[in-house]
Amino acid sequence: MAKELYDGIYSSHKTVFIEKIEKNLGFYLKDHILEIKKLGQELLCAIRLSDLDDVCQELNKNPEFDINILNSVSHYKSRNKHCLLIDLSSVSNNFSMLLKVVMPLPGDAETSQIMQLFESSISVLKKTFEAAEFFSERKNLQEDSSDIIIQAQQIDGLDCFDLYLSTEEDMIKKAFIDTGIARVSSKELHKNTVLPDVLSCISRYDHSAGLFPELCICLSFEELMQLKVPRRVQYIRMLLSELYRVSSHLYFVSRIAKIIGAELVYNLVLLERERALRLIELITGSRISPNFIRIGGVKNDLNADKIKAARETIEILYRKVRNIEALLLDNSVISAKLKNRGSVDRETALLCGVTGPNLRACGARYDIRKNRNLLLYKDMSFIIALGKYGDCLDRVLVRFREIYQSIKIIDQAVNDLPEEHIKKLINLSDLAIPFTEMISSVECPHGVFKIFMEIQDELIQNIIVLSPSKNSVYLAERILPDSRFEDVELILASLDINSGELIS
């Protein structure tokens, strides 16, 4: 009771810290910032393009901010103005922010003008952030790295890009990954769409764990409207999130097993993934596109039969996955195929903006379920799985350990599920929201998944997906050189690149 009263009166330490950063931004950059907004645990700063260099230098060199990671750069059109959305983060201070850069272009500017100004903006960013090179137009790399061209393949995760390699004997010297085959015009896909329609199809951005895009959107609206979500709803969301994490990681293991030729493990893993998907289907009514999360709630409550099925399933899953791990990694031949392949150190992974299991496999302890107190994970007892060497073996081991921790969280959520009556909090048809910008992030199986939105009345004006797989592609370009050609497929599969996230 005392803890609940305390939480109701005082802001969390993270909220207080973000407010402090907001004040410091206003003090140090008062001559450059047009507007500062606090959006949940994120900050959005609007600046002019002419001030981009000064702002980036200040954010990077000032110890109050110490922003050293560029996660993504996106172009979009907001209220007839062309803008850049730059996602930045700080490791030492454990926060992230968005820069909204207003470009001096008319609303009807031609594509060539937009691209020219975009490239000049990337050149400015390169002075501070090395990773900015990945977001520039790099046609020369495609021409220079064309000894071997590997086009999109059947194996999921390798079906969303073409690979251009420059080799010397059997060693790779240069690598360029063209993700053009996976791109769609996501900014126009949902323009002037009502919120219920967006919620029903947003899961396409993560086909292996479709719950997380839905959750991301609903969390942003709940933050905007300051909705107090019932604890029972939060527990159901955590249960489903971890079920989807287990399913996604098992799918990852099956792809690794297929590539290294472990056919028995491949078939056993798919059987266990089927077990997890059946439980997901029992609860949500769907497997790939759940359409289950609602603003302030969920589509259906859990009855006694579903709770019983969850208890029985996770008990079997834990035992079976343990056997699969032993069968796969106790084999010295298979372990030798994974060890010292595609190694990456912590600094390189952070430089590329990588998050999720790929970052934790390098020894970086970062998971927003704990770092930002996502949902009610503070009530759950679990540890963050870490690797040491950042090679293919560590990336597989980390995912196995995360499966066990997810099963542990599901067990706690089922056994401690609060007894509450879930009622409908809002009616979406009655919403009339003035022009508002929103952002929210979740820890999906591939890393930190963010969605930036602009909404007016009940219509979505813009949706920009800031996905972790883009950064994994950049990391792949960094670690493929000096690797053997025969390891290319294994290294790429170990990074768990999701084609649904590579949309722009």
Protein backbone atom coordinates (compact mmCIF):
# COMPACT_ATOMS: atom_id res chain seq x y z
CA MET A 1 0.00 0.00 0.00
CA ALA A 2 2.79 2.44 0.94
CA LYS A 3 4.58 1.74 -2.36
CA GLU A 4 1.40 2.40 -4.38
CA LEU A 5 0.86 5.70 -2.55
CA TYR A 6 4.49 6.69 -3.17
CA ASP A 7 4.24 5.89 -6.89
CA GLY A 8 1.03 7.91 -7.10
CA ILE A 9 2.55 11.02 -5.49
CA TYR A 10 6.13 11.09 -6.79
CA SER A 11 7.48 10.84 -10.32
CA SER A 12 9.81 7.95 -11.15
CA HIS A 13 13.55 8.65 -11.15
CA LYS A 14 13.58 8.15 -14.94
CA THR A 15 10.89 10.80 -15.45
CA VAL A 16 12.79 13.24 -13.24
CA PHE A 17 15.99 12.57 -15.21
CA ILE A 18 14.25 13.21 -18.57
CA GLU A 19 12.87 16.49 -17.21
CA LYS A 20 16.41 17.47 -16.20
CA ILE A 21 17.70 16.69 -19.71
CA GLU A 22 14.85 18.76 -21.15
CA LYS A 23 15.88 21.78 -19.04
CA ASN A 24 19.55 21.36 -20.00
CA LEU A 25 18.64 21.24 -23.69
CA GLY A 26 16.71 24.47 -23.31
CA PHE A 27 19.69 26.08 -21.56
CA TYR A 28 22.59 24.95 -23.79
CA LEU A 29 20.74 25.06 -27.12
CA LYS A 30 18.31 27.91 -26.56
CA ASP A 31 19.51 29.73 -29.70
CA HIS A 32 19.06 26.67 -31.93
CA ILE A 33 15.96 24.80 -30.74
CA LEU A 34 12.58 25.80 -32.14
CA GLU A 35 10.59 23.56 -29.79
CA ILE A 36 11.14 20.87 -27.14
CA LYS A 37 8.51 18.25 -26.32
CA LYS A 38 8.57 15.52 -23.70
CA LEU A 39 6.82 12.46 -25.13
CA GLY A 40 6.72 9.87 -22.35
CA GLN A 41 10.34 8.86 -21.74
CA GLU A 42 11.52 10.37 -25.03
CA LEU A 43 12.36 13.94 -26.04
CA LEU A 44 11.56 15.56 -29.39
CA CYS A 45 13.53 18.67 -30.39
CA ALA A 46 12.68 20.68 -33.50
CA ILE A 47 15.59 22.56 -35.11
CA ARG A 48 16.47 24.23 -38.42
CA LEU A 49 18.71 22.45 -40.90
CA SER A 50 21.23 25.30 -40.69
CA ASP A 51 21.69 24.55 -36.96
CA LEU A 52 22.14 20.78 -37.35
CA ASP A 53 25.95 20.79 -37.13
CA ASP A 54 26.09 22.99 -34.01
CA VAL A 55 23.37 20.97 -32.26
CA CYS A 56 25.03 17.61 -33.01
CA GLN A 57 28.42 18.86 -31.80
CA GLU A 58 26.91 20.13 -28.54
CA LEU A 59 24.94 16.93 -27.92
CA ASN A 60 28.03 14.82 -28.56
CA LYS A 61 30.67 16.78 -26.63
CA ASN A 62 28.65 18.11 -23.68
CA PRO A 63 28.92 15.57 -20.79
CA GLU A 64 25.39 16.52 -19.69
CA PHE A 65 24.13 14.72 -22.82
CA ASP A 66 27.06 12.61 -24.12
CA ILE A 67 25.03 11.44 -27.13
CA ASN A 68 27.30 9.17 -29.15
CA ILE A 69 24.95 6.86 -31.06
CA LEU A 70 23.00 7.55 -34.25
CA ASN A 71 20.20 4.99 -34.54
CA SER A 72 18.32 6.10 -37.65
CA VAL A 73 17.60 8.93 -40.10
CA SER A 74 14.22 9.20 -41.85
CA HIS A 75 12.62 11.72 -44.19
CA TYR A 76 8.93 12.58 -43.95
CA LYS A 77 6.48 15.36 -44.76
CA SER A 78 4.72 17.07 -41.86
CA ARG A 79 1.98 19.63 -42.51
CA ASN A 80 3.38 20.50 -45.94
CA LYS A 81 6.96 20.79 -44.61
CA HIS A 82 9.78 18.38 -45.42
CA CYS A 83 11.52 17.14 -42.27
CA LEU A 84 14.23 14.75 -41.14
CA LEU A 85 13.68 12.58 -38.08
CA ILE A 86 17.01 11.68 -36.42
CA ASP A 87 17.03 9.11 -33.62
CA LEU A 88 19.94 9.60 -31.17
CA SER A 89 20.87 7.92 -27.90
CA SER A 90 23.40 8.04 -25.08
CA VAL A 91 24.86 4.91 -23.49
CA SER A 92 26.36 6.57 -20.42
CA ASN A 93 23.22 8.59 -19.60
CA ASN A 94 20.76 5.87 -20.69
CA PHE A 95 18.31 8.01 -22.67
CA SER A 96 17.33 8.63 -26.28
CA MET A 97 15.89 11.59 -28.14
CA LEU A 98 14.62 12.59 -31.57
CA LEU A 99 15.73 15.57 -33.62
CA LYS A 100 13.09 16.92 -35.99
CA VAL A 101 15.04 18.88 -38.60
CA VAL A 102 12.94 21.28 -40.69
CA MET A 103 14.27 21.39 -44.26
CA PRO A 104 14.10 24.69 -46.21
CA LEU A 105 12.02 23.26 -49.05
CA PRO A 106 8.54 24.02 -50.37
CA GLY A 107 5.92 21.33 -49.84
CA ASP A 108 5.80 20.51 -53.57
CA ALA A 109 9.59 20.18 -53.96
CA GLU A 110 10.83 17.69 -56.55
CA THR A 111 12.39 14.39 -55.51
CA SER A 112 15.82 15.44 -56.81
CA GLN A 113 15.80 18.53 -54.58
CA ILE A 114 14.78 16.48 -51.55
CA MET A 115 17.51 13.89 -52.16
CA GLN A 116 20.15 16.57 -52.66
CA LEU A 117 19.30 18.25 -49.36
CA PHE A 118 19.03 14.86 -47.63
CA GLU A 119 22.56 13.92 -48.77
CA SER A 120 23.94 17.27 -47.58
CA SER A 121 22.30 16.65 -44.18
CA ILE A 122 23.94 13.22 -44.00
CA SER A 123 27.30 14.86 -44.76
CA VAL A 124 26.78 17.16 -41.77
CA LEU A 125 25.89 14.21 -39.53
CA LYS A 126 29.03 12.32 -40.63
CA LYS A 127 31.18 14.95 -38.89
CA THR A 128 29.82 13.77 -35.53
CA PHE A 129 28.42 10.27 -36.10
CA GLU A 130 30.30 7.72 -38.18
CA ALA A 131 27.15 5.62 -38.59
CA ALA A 132 25.56 8.37 -40.73
CA GLU A 133 27.37 6.89 -43.73
CA PHE A 134 24.96 3.94 -43.73
CA PHE A 135 21.99 6.24 -44.46
CA SER A 136 23.58 7.95 -47.47
CA GLU A 137 23.25 6.99 -51.12
CA ARG A 138 26.14 4.57 -51.70
CA LYS A 139 25.91 3.48 -55.32
CA ASN A 140 29.70 3.40 -55.62
CA LEU A 141 29.85 0.59 -53.04
CA GLN A 142 27.54 -1.54 -55.16
CA GLU A 143 29.88 -1.08 -58.13
CA ASP A 144 33.06 -1.65 -56.08
CA SER A 145 31.69 -4.73 -54.30
CA SER A 146 30.48 -6.81 -57.21
CA ASP A 147 32.84 -9.79 -57.40
CA ILE A 148 30.01 -11.90 -55.98
CA ILE A 149 26.33 -10.96 -55.99
CA ILE A 150 23.98 -12.95 -53.75
CA GLN A 151 20.35 -12.15 -54.42
CA ALA A 152 17.49 -12.56 -51.94
CA GLN A 153 17.08 -16.19 -50.87
CA GLN A 154 14.30 -18.43 -49.66
CA ILE A 155 15.48 -18.60 -46.04
CA ASP A 156 13.51 -16.07 -44.03
CA GLY A 157 15.74 -13.22 -42.88
CA LEU A 158 17.86 -13.50 -46.04
CA ASP A 159 14.91 -12.75 -48.33
CA CYS A 160 14.89 -8.98 -47.84
CA PHE A 161 18.15 -7.78 -49.40
CA ASP A 162 20.72 -8.33 -52.13
CA LEU A 163 24.34 -8.76 -51.07
CA TYR A 164 27.32 -7.41 -53.04
CA LEU A 165 30.76 -8.73 -52.04
CA SER A 166 34.33 -7.95 -53.00
CA THR A 167 36.56 -10.95 -52.27
CA GLU A 168 40.17 -12.03 -52.31
CA GLU A 169 40.37 -15.81 -52.66
CA ASP A 170 37.85 -17.05 -50.04
CA MET A 171 38.03 -13.95 -47.80
CA ILE A 172 35.57 -11.04 -47.99
CA LYS A 173 37.15 -7.59 -48.31
CA LYS A 174 34.10 -5.37 -48.81
CA ALA A 175 30.37 -5.87 -48.35
CA PHE A 176 27.36 -3.83 -49.43
CA ILE A 177 23.77 -4.76 -48.57
CA ASP A 178 20.98 -3.36 -50.75
CA THR A 179 17.61 -3.51 -48.94
CA GLY A 180 15.67 -1.98 -51.82
CA ILE A 181 13.73 -5.20 -52.40
CA ALA A 182 12.10 -4.89 -48.94
CA ARG A 183 11.12 -1.22 -49.12
CA VAL A 184 7.57 0.05 -49.23
CA SER A 185 6.29 3.59 -48.88
CA SER A 186 5.40 3.19 -45.21
CA LYS A 187 4.88 6.92 -44.71
CA GLU A 188 2.04 6.91 -47.25
CA LEU A 189 0.72 3.46 -46.34
CA HIS A 190 -1.24 4.68 -43.30
CA LYS A 191 -1.76 8.35 -44.20
CA ASN A 192 -5.26 9.62 -43.36
CA THR A 193 -6.19 6.22 -41.93
CA VAL A 194 -8.37 5.88 -38.84
CA LEU A 195 -6.73 4.39 -35.77
CA PRO A 196 -8.70 1.08 -35.62
CA ASP A 197 -7.64 0.29 -39.20
CA VAL A 198 -4.00 1.00 -38.36
CA LEU A 199 -4.13 -1.25 -35.29
CA SER A 200 -5.51 -4.11 -37.36
CA CYS A 201 -2.60 -4.13 -39.85
CA ILE A 202 0.39 -2.60 -38.01
CA SER A 203 1.66 -6.08 -37.09
CA ARG A 204 2.97 -6.46 -40.67
CA TYR A 205 6.14 -4.65 -39.55
CA ASP A 206 7.17 -7.65 -37.44
CA HIS A 207 5.75 -10.83 -38.92
CA SER A 208 7.55 -13.09 -36.41
CA ALA A 209 6.22 -11.19 -33.36
CA GLY A 210 3.26 -9.11 -34.53
CA LEU A 211 2.12 -8.14 -31.04
CA PHE A 212 4.90 -5.60 -30.48
CA PRO A 213 3.91 -2.98 -33.11
CA GLU A 214 0.35 -3.07 -31.72
CA LEU A 215 1.66 -2.66 -28.17
CA CYS A 216 3.93 0.20 -29.24
CA ILE A 217 1.06 2.23 -30.72
CA CYS A 218 -1.28 1.62 -27.78
CA LEU A 219 1.39 2.62 -25.24
CA SER A 220 1.88 5.96 -27.01
CA PHE A 221 -1.85 6.76 -26.85
CA GLU A 222 -2.06 5.68 -23.21
CA GLU A 223 0.82 8.02 -22.40
CA LEU A 224 -0.85 10.85 -24.33
CA MET A 225 -4.19 10.41 -22.53
CA GLN A 226 -2.58 9.51 -19.17
CA LEU A 227 -4.67 6.34 -18.97
CA LYS A 228 -4.25 4.14 -15.91
CA VAL A 229 -4.18 0.65 -17.38
CA PRO A 230 -5.44 -2.13 -15.04
CA ARG A 231 -2.74 -4.39 -13.61
CA ARG A 232 -4.47 -7.48 -14.98
CA VAL A 233 -4.23 -6.03 -18.50
CA GLN A 234 -0.53 -5.29 -17.99
CA TYR A 235 0.10 -8.88 -16.88
CA ILE A 236 -1.76 -10.28 -19.90
CA ARG A 237 0.31 -8.05 -22.18
CA MET A 238 3.55 -9.23 -20.57
CA LEU A 239 2.47 -12.86 -20.86
CA LEU A 240 1.75 -12.49 -24.58
CA SER A 241 4.89 -10.42 -25.23
CA GLU A 242 7.06 -13.16 -23.76
CA LEU A 243 5.17 -15.88 -25.64
CA TYR A 244 5.89 -14.05 -28.90
CA ARG A 245 9.52 -13.62 -27.82
CA VAL A 246 9.81 -17.38 -27.27
CA SER A 247 8.19 -18.08 -30.65
CA SER A 248 10.48 -15.63 -32.47
CA HIS A 249 13.65 -16.94 -30.82
CA LEU A 250 12.68 -20.54 -31.62
CA TYR A 251 12.20 -19.51 -35.23
CA PHE A 252 15.69 -17.96 -35.12
CA VAL A 253 17.17 -21.22 -33.78
CA SER A 254 15.43 -23.19 -36.54
CA ARG A 255 17.05 -21.02 -39.23
CA ILE A 256 20.49 -21.46 -37.66
CA ALA A 257 19.96 -25.23 -37.44
CA LYS A 258 18.92 -25.40 -41.10
CA ILE A 259 21.98 -23.47 -42.29
CA ILE A 260 24.51 -25.57 -40.35
CA GLY A 261 22.80 -28.81 -41.40
CA ALA A 262 21.34 -29.93 -38.04
CA GLU A 263 18.15 -31.37 -39.55
CA LEU A 264 16.98 -33.14 -36.38
CA VAL A 265 17.26 -29.95 -34.32
CA TYR A 266 15.53 -28.00 -37.10
CA ASN A 267 12.47 -30.26 -36.97
CA LEU A 268 12.35 -30.41 -33.16
CA VAL A 269 12.52 -26.61 -32.87
CA LEU A 270 9.66 -26.14 -35.33
CA LEU A 271 7.54 -28.57 -33.28
CA GLU A 272 8.11 -26.49 -30.13
CA ARG A 273 7.42 -23.25 -31.98
CA GLU A 274 4.14 -24.80 -33.11
CA ARG A 275 3.36 -25.50 -29.44
CA ALA A 276 3.94 -21.82 -28.57
CA LEU A 277 1.91 -20.62 -31.56
CA ARG A 278 -1.04 -22.81 -30.60
CA LEU A 279 -1.15 -21.17 -27.18
CA ILE A 280 -0.92 -17.73 -28.81
CA GLU A 281 -3.76 -18.67 -31.15
CA LEU A 282 -5.86 -19.93 -28.23
CA ILE A 283 -5.48 -16.59 -26.43
CA THR A 284 -5.62 -14.10 -29.33
CA GLY A 285 -7.41 -16.03 -32.08
CA SER A 286 -4.52 -15.51 -34.51
CA ARG A 287 -0.84 -16.34 -34.93
CA ILE A 288 0.82 -13.77 -37.18
CA SER A 289 -1.45 -10.70 -36.87
CA PRO A 290 -2.99 -10.90 -33.39
CA ASN A 291 -4.98 -7.60 -33.45
CA PHE A 292 -5.32 -8.15 -29.69
CA ILE A 293 -3.92 -5.06 -27.92
CA ARG A 294 -6.35 -2.19 -27.37
CA ILE A 295 -5.79 1.33 -26.03
CA GLY A 296 -6.18 0.90 -22.28
CA GLY A 297 -6.84 -2.83 -22.49
CA VAL A 298 -6.86 -6.05 -24.49
CA LYS A 299 -9.39 -7.68 -26.81
CA ASN A 300 -10.32 -10.55 -24.47
CA ASP A 301 -9.68 -11.53 -20.87
CA LEU A 302 -8.05 -14.82 -19.90
CA ASN A 303 -10.45 -17.47 -18.61
CA ALA A 304 -9.56 -20.49 -16.46
CA ASP A 305 -9.05 -22.79 -19.47
CA LYS A 306 -6.53 -20.43 -21.11
CA ILE A 307 -4.62 -19.99 -17.85
CA LYS A 308 -4.48 -23.77 -17.41
CA ALA A 309 -3.26 -24.21 -21.01
CA ALA A 310 -0.54 -21.60 -20.44
CA ARG A 311 0.72 -23.40 -17.31
CA GLU A 312 0.85 -26.75 -19.07
CA THR A 313 2.48 -25.37 -22.23
CA ILE A 314 5.34 -23.50 -20.57
CA GLU A 315 6.23 -26.51 -18.44
CA ILE A 316 6.58 -28.69 -21.55
CA LEU A 317 8.33 -25.90 -23.49
CA TYR A 318 11.01 -25.44 -20.86
CA ARG A 319 11.85 -29.14 -20.76
CA LYS A 320 11.86 -29.56 -24.55
CA VAL A 321 13.93 -26.44 -25.26
CA ARG A 322 16.52 -27.58 -22.70
CA ASN A 323 16.86 -30.84 -24.61
CA ILE A 324 17.14 -28.99 -27.93
CA GLU A 325 19.90 -26.72 -26.58
CA ALA A 326 21.87 -29.73 -25.36
CA LEU A 327 21.39 -31.51 -28.67
CA LEU A 328 22.59 -28.47 -30.62
CA LEU A 329 25.37 -26.92 -28.54
CA ASP A 330 26.79 -29.97 -26.77
CA ASN A 331 27.82 -31.15 -30.22
CA SER A 332 31.45 -30.03 -30.57
CA VAL A 333 31.24 -30.00 -34.38
CA ILE A 334 28.27 -27.60 -34.37
CA SER A 335 29.79 -25.40 -31.65
CA ALA A 336 32.99 -25.14 -33.70
CA LYS A 337 30.95 -23.94 -36.70
CA LEU A 338 29.45 -21.14 -34.58
CA LYS A 339 32.44 -20.10 -32.48
CA ASN A 340 34.57 -17.13 -33.61
CA ARG A 341 32.30 -16.51 -36.61
CA GLY A 342 31.04 -12.96 -37.14
CA SER A 343 32.60 -11.65 -33.93
CA VAL A 344 31.81 -8.06 -32.95
CA ASP A 345 32.96 -6.05 -29.94
CA ARG A 346 30.73 -3.94 -27.71
CA GLU A 347 31.97 -0.59 -29.07
CA THR A 348 31.29 -1.51 -32.70
CA ALA A 349 27.80 -2.77 -31.88
CA LEU A 350 26.99 0.46 -30.02
CA LEU A 351 28.44 2.57 -32.83
CA CYS A 352 26.07 0.87 -35.28
CA GLY A 353 23.09 1.58 -33.01
CA VAL A 354 22.40 -2.14 -32.49
CA THR A 355 20.01 -3.13 -29.69
CA GLY A 356 18.40 -6.33 -28.42
CA PRO A 357 20.05 -9.78 -28.30
CA ASN A 358 22.70 -8.79 -30.86
CA LEU A 359 23.94 -6.06 -28.50
CA ARG A 360 23.61 -8.15 -25.34
CA ALA A 361 25.66 -10.92 -27.00
CA CYS A 362 28.57 -8.43 -26.96
CA GLY A 363 28.28 -7.97 -23.19
CA ALA A 364 26.25 -4.72 -23.11
CA ARG A 365 23.57 -4.90 -20.40
CA TYR A 366 20.76 -2.96 -22.08
CA ASP A 367 17.11 -4.03 -22.10
CA ILE A 368 14.35 -1.42 -21.86
CA ARG A 369 12.15 -3.88 -19.99
CA LYS A 370 14.46 -3.11 -17.05
CA ASN A 371 16.14 0.15 -18.12
CA ARG A 372 12.85 1.99 -18.68
CA ASN A 373 10.41 -0.10 -16.63
CA LEU A 374 8.28 -1.16 -19.60
CA LEU A 375 4.77 -2.36 -18.63
CA LEU A 376 5.10 -3.91 -15.13
CA TYR A 377 8.35 -5.81 -15.65
CA LYS A 378 9.56 -4.29 -12.36
CA ASP A 379 7.24 -6.79 -10.65
CA MET A 380 8.93 -9.72 -12.41
CA SER A 381 12.06 -11.54 -11.32
CA PHE A 382 14.31 -12.16 -14.33
CA ILE A 383 17.87 -11.50 -15.45
CA ILE A 384 19.27 -9.98 -18.63
CA ALA A 385 21.06 -12.68 -20.64
CA LEU A 386 24.55 -11.59 -21.74
CA GLY A 387 27.28 -12.92 -23.99
CA LYS A 388 30.99 -12.16 -23.96
CA TYR A 389 32.57 -12.50 -27.39
CA GLY A 390 29.76 -11.31 -29.67
CA ASP A 391 30.15 -14.19 -32.15
CA CYS A 392 27.50 -16.45 -33.70
CA LEU A 393 27.72 -18.85 -30.76
CA ASP A 394 27.03 -16.07 -28.24
CA ARG A 395 24.10 -14.80 -30.29
CA VAL A 396 22.55 -18.28 -30.22
CA LEU A 397 23.30 -18.77 -26.50
CA VAL A 398 21.77 -15.41 -25.56
CA ARG A 399 18.54 -16.29 -27.33
CA PHE A 400 18.32 -19.67 -25.60
CA ARG A 401 18.81 -17.92 -22.23
CA GLU A 402 16.18 -15.33 -23.13
CA ILE A 403 13.73 -18.13 -23.89
CA TYR A 404 14.24 -19.49 -20.36
CA GLN A 405 13.81 -16.03 -18.83
CA SER A 406 10.66 -15.45 -20.90
CA ILE A 407 9.21 -18.75 -19.67
CA LYS A 408 10.04 -17.64 -16.12
CA ILE A 409 8.19 -14.34 -16.67
CA ILE A 410 5.17 -16.15 -18.17
CA ASP A 411 5.06 -18.46 -15.15
CA GLN A 412 5.05 -15.47 -12.77
CA ALA A 413 2.42 -13.62 -14.82
CA VAL A 414 0.10 -16.65 -14.84
CA ASN A 415 0.48 -17.47 -11.14
CA ASP A 416 0.27 -13.85 -9.92
CA LEU A 417 -2.42 -12.66 -12.36
CA PRO A 418 -4.41 -9.95 -10.50
CA GLU A 419 -8.12 -10.56 -9.98
CA GLU A 420 -9.70 -7.55 -11.65
CA HIS A 421 -12.66 -6.84 -13.87
CA ILE A 422 -11.51 -5.47 -17.23
CA LYS A 423 -13.80 -2.80 -18.62
CA LYS A 424 -13.72 -0.65 -21.73
CA LEU A 425 -11.99 2.65 -20.93
CA ILE A 426 -12.48 4.67 -24.13
CA ASN A 427 -14.44 4.69 -27.37
CA LEU A 428 -12.15 5.35 -30.34
CA SER A 429 -14.99 6.82 -32.40
CA ASP A 430 -15.34 9.62 -29.83
CA LEU A 431 -11.67 10.66 -29.97
CA ALA A 432 -10.99 14.18 -31.27
CA ILE A 433 -7.26 14.80 -30.84
CA PRO A 434 -5.62 18.07 -31.95
CA PHE A 435 -2.46 17.76 -34.04
CA THR A 436 -0.13 15.73 -31.83
CA GLU A 437 3.24 14.01 -32.19
CA MET A 438 3.79 10.76 -30.30
CA ILE A 439 6.52 8.21 -29.88
CA SER A 440 6.76 4.95 -28.01
CA SER A 441 9.22 2.07 -27.85
CA VAL A 442 9.13 -1.59 -26.82
CA GLU A 443 11.74 -4.35 -26.46
CA CYS A 444 10.83 -6.70 -29.31
CA PRO A 445 12.77 -9.95 -30.00
CA HIS A 446 15.09 -8.12 -32.44
CA GLY A 447 15.81 -5.04 -30.28
CA VAL A 448 14.22 -1.68 -29.47
CA PHE A 449 11.24 -1.13 -31.77
CA LYS A 450 10.00 2.49 -31.98
CA ILE A 451 7.07 4.12 -33.72
CA PHE A 452 6.79 7.88 -34.29
CA MET A 453 3.31 9.13 -35.17
CA GLU A 454 1.50 12.31 -36.06
CA ILE A 455 -2.26 12.32 -35.54
CA GLN A 456 -5.02 14.89 -35.98
CA ASP A 457 -8.64 14.26 -34.95
CA GLU A 458 -9.08 10.52 -35.49
CA LEU A 459 -6.79 10.31 -38.55
CA ILE A 460 -3.16 9.18 -38.62
CA GLN A 461 -1.08 11.74 -40.55
CA ASN A 462 2.32 10.00 -40.39
CA ILE A 463 3.78 6.76 -39.08
CA ILE A 464 7.55 6.27 -39.06
CA VAL A 465 8.89 2.91 -37.91
CA LEU A 466 12.34 3.07 -36.29
CA SER A 467 13.29 -0.59 -36.31
CA PRO A 468 16.31 -2.50 -34.93
CA SER A 469 16.85 -4.60 -38.07
CA LYS A 470 18.15 -1.58 -40.02
CA ASN A 471 21.01 -1.28 -37.54
CA SER A 472 21.66 -5.02 -37.74
CA VAL A 473 22.09 -4.63 -41.52
CA TYR A 474 24.67 -1.89 -40.92
CA LEU A 475 26.44 -4.14 -38.40
CA ALA A 476 26.51 -6.93 -40.99
CA GLU A 477 28.33 -4.64 -43.41
CA ARG A 478 30.91 -3.93 -40.70
CA ILE A 479 31.62 -7.54 -39.66
CA LEU A 480 31.43 -9.39 -42.99
CA PRO A 481 34.82 -8.05 -44.19
CA ASP A 482 37.65 -10.40 -43.09
CA SER A 483 35.15 -13.26 -42.79
CA ARG A 484 35.23 -16.35 -44.98
CA PHE A 485 32.77 -16.51 -47.85
CA GLU A 486 31.36 -19.84 -46.63
CA ASP A 487 30.27 -18.17 -43.35
CA VAL A 488 28.21 -15.39 -44.96
CA GLU A 489 24.84 -17.10 -44.68
CA LEU A 490 25.45 -18.13 -41.06
CA ILE A 491 26.58 -14.65 -39.96
CA LEU A 492 23.59 -12.95 -41.57
CA ALA A 493 21.14 -15.46 -40.07
CA SER A 494 22.71 -15.00 -36.61
CA LEU A 495 21.83 -11.27 -36.71
CA ASP A 496 18.09 -12.12 -36.99
CA ILE A 497 17.24 -9.49 -39.61
CA ASN A 498 13.46 -9.10 -39.98
CA SER A 499 12.28 -8.23 -43.49
CA GLY A 500 9.10 -6.55 -42.18
CA GLU A 501 11.17 -3.90 -40.40
CA LEU A 502 13.19 -2.85 -43.47
CA ILE A 503 10.49 -0.62 -44.86
CA SER A 504 12.27 2.64 -45.71
